[in-house]
Every structure is written in C-alpha cells, then in structure tokens.
Amino acid sequence: MGTNYVTQHKLKKNFVEYYASLTRMCNDLSRSFPCSLGAFKNFIGREYISPGEITEKFCLEYREYLLKKYNGETPADYFKGLKRVLKAAKKEGYFTINPAEDIAAKTKPSKKKDILDREEYDLLLAGRCSNPEVKRAAICSMYSALRWVDVESLEWSNIKEKTICLKQNKTGFVLEIPLHPKIKEILGERKEGRIFNLPTQDGANKVLRTWVRAAGINKHITWHSLRHSVSVILQDAGTDVATVAGLLGHTTTKYVHKTYQRYKLGSATIAINKLPV
C-alpha cells in the first residue's frame, strides 16, 4: 500500500539524493539553497529518508528545528529550500500532495549584537591577549570582515600582493578583499599551508571575551561582532552600502540594510539639526 503523499513506485527512493541532485542542477537558485541541504541532513541525522516519511508533521518539526538553531532570515531561507524541492518532487510524482504547501517559512529576528567602535579598536589592539594566534586572527577579521570559518581556514595561497582572495566557506562565492596594512603587519614571514593555528571556535571566542574585558571594553563581543563592526564603522565613515555589501561577500545590499545598520544618537542629532528653525 502507498501513503497519502507518495506514489507507489517511488516510495523507496532516497529523498536526500533527490534533494542533492536538484541542488546540483539548479545553479540559478539562491546561494542559501545548497546550505539548506546541509541543514536538512543535519535534522534527519542520516543519509537516507524516503518520501513517505516526509509528512506535514515532519515539515512542521523541521521548521521548528530551523527556528531554534538559526537566526535572522536563515530559518526561512532553508525552509524555502525544502519547499522548493517538495514542489519539484510533487511534479515528478514523488508526492500526490505537497506536505509543506500550507506551511509558511518563518524568520527569527536576530538580537542586536554589540560591536566595537573606532576607539575600542585601539583599546583592543593595545590590550594583551592570552593567545597570540587568536589575536592575530581576530585582527585579520577586524580589518577584512572575514567570518570565523574563513579566517580559521585561511591559507598563505589566499594572500596576494594587494588582496585576500578566497572562496567563502559559507556561500561558495569567491571574494576578493583589499589587504589592509594592519593585516600585512600581523602576517609575518610568508610560509605554506594555513596562516593561523587556532583552537575551536568556542575556544577562540572564550579567549576573545577575556581579551575584550582585559582591554576595559564592557561589551559582549564574539567573532561575528568583529564582522559587524567593520560594516558599521565603514558606513559611519560614509562608505556606500553596495561597497560594504560586496566587502562582506553579499551579492545584494539586503542583509547590510537589515542586519548591519545601527541607530546612532550622534547621527540622529546631525540629522535633526537639518530641520528648519
């Protein structure tokens, strides 16, 4: 007997393989689509799942999993990836009813993260850090906006004469960033392989928090805060949003507008004083 959702002859097919094949074929989809496959596989915890197991209840549980694990637009983007695959699978006879058709994708608003201002850059650079490698890598992020995953895996081959050129681990897109003098200063003698010898991300963040406190900065700074700091400082300095978006590796300005902007009293004061008196 079949199920309410799956046609009999495709009941035992591996839906993970179908998801992966669609990901490989559809190069025009959003950059989050390949990542959505990874999230789906993490949720099921195995390499095989039959279409018959993917019910409306399963989809609701998956959406809840995404909302608990990710912030911002990511839960919605990843769930939209599954919905897109299910829509295609229904057309190909894997389903007679799309189990996610009536389930809306949801976002999870991110909490505003603390960021470093220009003066706190100076405090942190002058402060003593218990792990010199973490300090070097953090400075690299502070002057390039690179994510932890990209700094941790950064190799000497990525360092060109005037730029850092790498394929982003999260998105797969190639990114080229101007090489700031401060990064040149901390790199030292050119070698082979990875540039930084770092602990785990959790370990590096613990070192970073201790370093921040020792520098007299009363903020909750994580590695991702360093990336946020670059964006906000550059925008405060008058850099256009398109340039900031490109520097951060975004293909549009959407995320810079939604995620990396801050209300500043000083800016508001300047603006309000432009009103007629």
Foldseek 3Di string as FASTA:
>chain_A
DADQWFDDVQQQPFVLVLLVVVVVVCPPDDLCLVVLSVLVCVVVVDRGDGLRVDALVNLVVSLVVLLVPDAFCNSLSSSVSVQVSLVVVCVVRGTVDRRCPPPHGDHHHDDAFDADEPVLVVLLVPFDFPDLLLSLLLVVCLQQLAAPVCSQQQWLVQDDPFWRWDQHPSRRHIAITGDDPVNVVSQPDHDGGHRGDDDDQVVSQVRVVVSSVRSVHPGNDGSNSSSLRNLANCVVVPDDQVVNCRSNPHPDSVCCVVHNYDDDPVVVVVVVVVDDD
